[in-house]
Amino acid sequence: VFTPAALPLWAVAASGCGVVAAIPALPSVARGLLLAVFVFVAPGAAILSWARVLPANTIAALVPATGLAVTLIVTGIASLAGLWQPRATLLAIAVASAATAIWARRSKRADAVS
């Protein structure tokens, strides 16, 4: 499931879950599930999209751990800096994750061509 080629797609899809989770009109259960998918997949998949060769089981372990770590670091810094805006922070991480994953995918494509 988490193959290196599929990681950018997972990151973009999970970033979409994060954007949808920011909609206040959704039921809280749906928002919670979407947010969990986002936190445990998007940032980790985006960062690991840059990895060249990792076994699938290593990727499966690192994606949620990295995603959770990135989310905790960003929200911790925002909180300590007095910039606590949960929805804005969520959207910023979602956009950064999607952009990083797309950049990694395009970079790998360019490497394959040259």
Protein backbone atom coordinates (compact mmCIF):
# COMPACT_ATOMS: atom_id res chain seq x y z
CA VAL A 1 0.00 0.00 0.00
CA PHE A 2 2.72 2.51 0.98
CA THR A 3 5.10 2.00 -1.92
CA PRO A 4 7.55 4.82 -2.70
CA ALA A 5 5.75 5.56 -5.97
CA ALA A 6 2.36 5.86 -4.25
CA LEU A 7 3.47 8.08 -1.34
CA PRO A 8 2.86 11.42 -3.11
CA LEU A 9 -0.65 10.28 -4.02
CA TRP A 10 -1.35 9.24 -0.44
CA ALA A 11 -0.04 12.58 0.81
CA VAL A 12 -2.24 14.61 -1.54
CA ALA A 13 -5.33 12.50 -0.78
CA ALA A 14 -4.76 12.74 2.98
CA SER A 15 -4.16 16.49 2.64
CA GLY A 16 -7.59 16.67 1.03
CA CYS A 17 -8.98 14.91 4.10
CA GLY A 18 -7.37 17.60 6.23
CA VAL A 19 -8.93 20.39 4.20
CA VAL A 20 -12.37 18.76 4.42
CA ALA A 21 -11.89 18.25 8.17
CA ALA A 22 -11.55 22.02 8.54
CA ILE A 23 -15.19 22.50 7.52
CA PRO A 24 -17.04 23.36 10.76
CA ALA A 25 -20.45 22.22 9.47
CA LEU A 26 -19.41 18.56 9.33
CA PRO A 27 -20.38 16.22 12.17
CA SER A 28 -17.66 15.94 14.78
CA VAL A 29 -17.20 12.19 14.23
CA ALA A 30 -16.57 12.71 10.53
CA ARG A 31 -14.18 15.58 11.24
CA GLY A 32 -12.32 13.46 13.79
CA LEU A 33 -11.89 10.55 11.39
CA LEU A 34 -10.76 12.83 8.55
CA LEU A 35 -8.36 14.58 10.89
CA ALA A 36 -6.89 11.25 12.04
CA VAL A 37 -6.30 10.19 8.44
CA PHE A 38 -4.67 13.53 7.76
CA VAL A 39 -2.38 13.55 10.81
CA PHE A 40 -1.22 9.96 10.43
CA VAL A 41 -0.72 10.01 6.65
CA ALA A 42 -0.26 13.41 4.96
CA PRO A 43 2.88 14.93 6.52
CA GLY A 44 4.67 11.60 6.83
CA ALA A 45 3.87 10.49 3.28
CA ALA A 46 4.92 13.90 1.96
CA ILE A 47 8.30 13.78 3.69
CA LEU A 48 8.95 10.14 2.85
CA SER A 49 8.10 10.85 -0.80
CA TRP A 50 11.67 12.09 -1.01
CA ALA A 51 13.12 8.75 0.14
CA ARG A 52 14.74 6.84 -2.69
CA VAL A 53 14.75 3.26 -1.49
CA LEU A 54 12.97 2.04 1.62
CA PRO A 55 11.26 -1.30 2.20
CA ALA A 56 7.45 -1.15 2.24
CA ASN A 57 7.22 -2.27 5.88
CA THR A 58 9.62 0.50 6.92
CA ILE A 59 7.56 3.06 5.05
CA ALA A 60 4.37 1.74 6.66
CA ALA A 61 5.93 2.28 10.10
CA LEU A 62 7.51 5.65 9.38
CA VAL A 63 4.56 7.38 7.67
CA PRO A 64 2.30 7.61 10.76
CA ALA A 65 5.21 8.25 13.13
CA THR A 66 6.57 11.06 10.97
CA GLY A 67 3.10 12.51 10.40
CA LEU A 68 2.35 12.63 14.09
CA ALA A 69 5.77 14.10 14.89
CA VAL A 70 5.44 16.87 12.30
CA THR A 71 1.94 17.74 13.50
CA LEU A 72 3.07 17.87 17.13
CA ILE A 73 6.10 20.02 16.33
CA VAL A 74 4.16 22.51 14.19
CA THR A 75 1.25 22.83 16.63
CA GLY A 76 3.63 23.07 19.59
CA ILE A 77 5.60 25.88 17.97
CA ALA A 78 2.40 27.70 16.98
CA SER A 79 1.08 27.39 20.53
CA LEU A 80 4.32 28.56 22.15
CA ALA A 81 4.55 31.49 19.75
CA GLY A 82 1.03 32.59 20.65
CA LEU A 83 -0.21 31.91 17.11
CA TRP A 84 -2.71 29.21 18.04
CA GLN A 85 -5.23 29.07 15.20
CA PRO A 86 -6.17 25.37 14.83
CA ARG A 87 -7.99 25.68 11.50
CA ALA A 88 -5.27 27.85 9.95
CA THR A 89 -2.56 25.51 11.22
CA LEU A 90 -4.39 22.50 9.81
CA LEU A 91 -4.77 24.16 6.42
CA ALA A 92 -1.12 25.27 6.41
CA ILE A 93 0.12 21.73 7.13
CA ALA A 94 -2.27 20.34 4.49
CA VAL A 95 -1.06 22.74 1.81
CA ALA A 96 2.59 22.18 2.75
CA SER A 97 2.14 18.40 2.68
CA ALA A 98 0.43 18.41 -0.70
CA ALA A 99 2.96 20.83 -2.20
CA THR A 100 5.90 18.81 -0.87
CA ALA A 101 4.47 15.57 -2.25
CA ILE A 102 3.81 17.09 -5.67
CA TRP A 103 7.31 18.57 -5.72
CA ALA A 104 8.83 15.19 -4.82
CA ARG A 105 6.84 13.40 -7.52
CA ARG A 106 7.85 15.92 -10.19
CA SER A 107 11.47 15.79 -9.04
CA LYS A 108 11.54 11.99 -9.31
CA ARG A 109 9.96 12.17 -12.77
CA ALA A 110 12.61 14.65 -13.88
CA ASP A 111 15.35 12.38 -12.51
CA ALA A 112 13.93 9.41 -14.44
CA VAL A 113 13.90 11.36 -17.70
CA SER A 114 17.43 12.73 -17.43
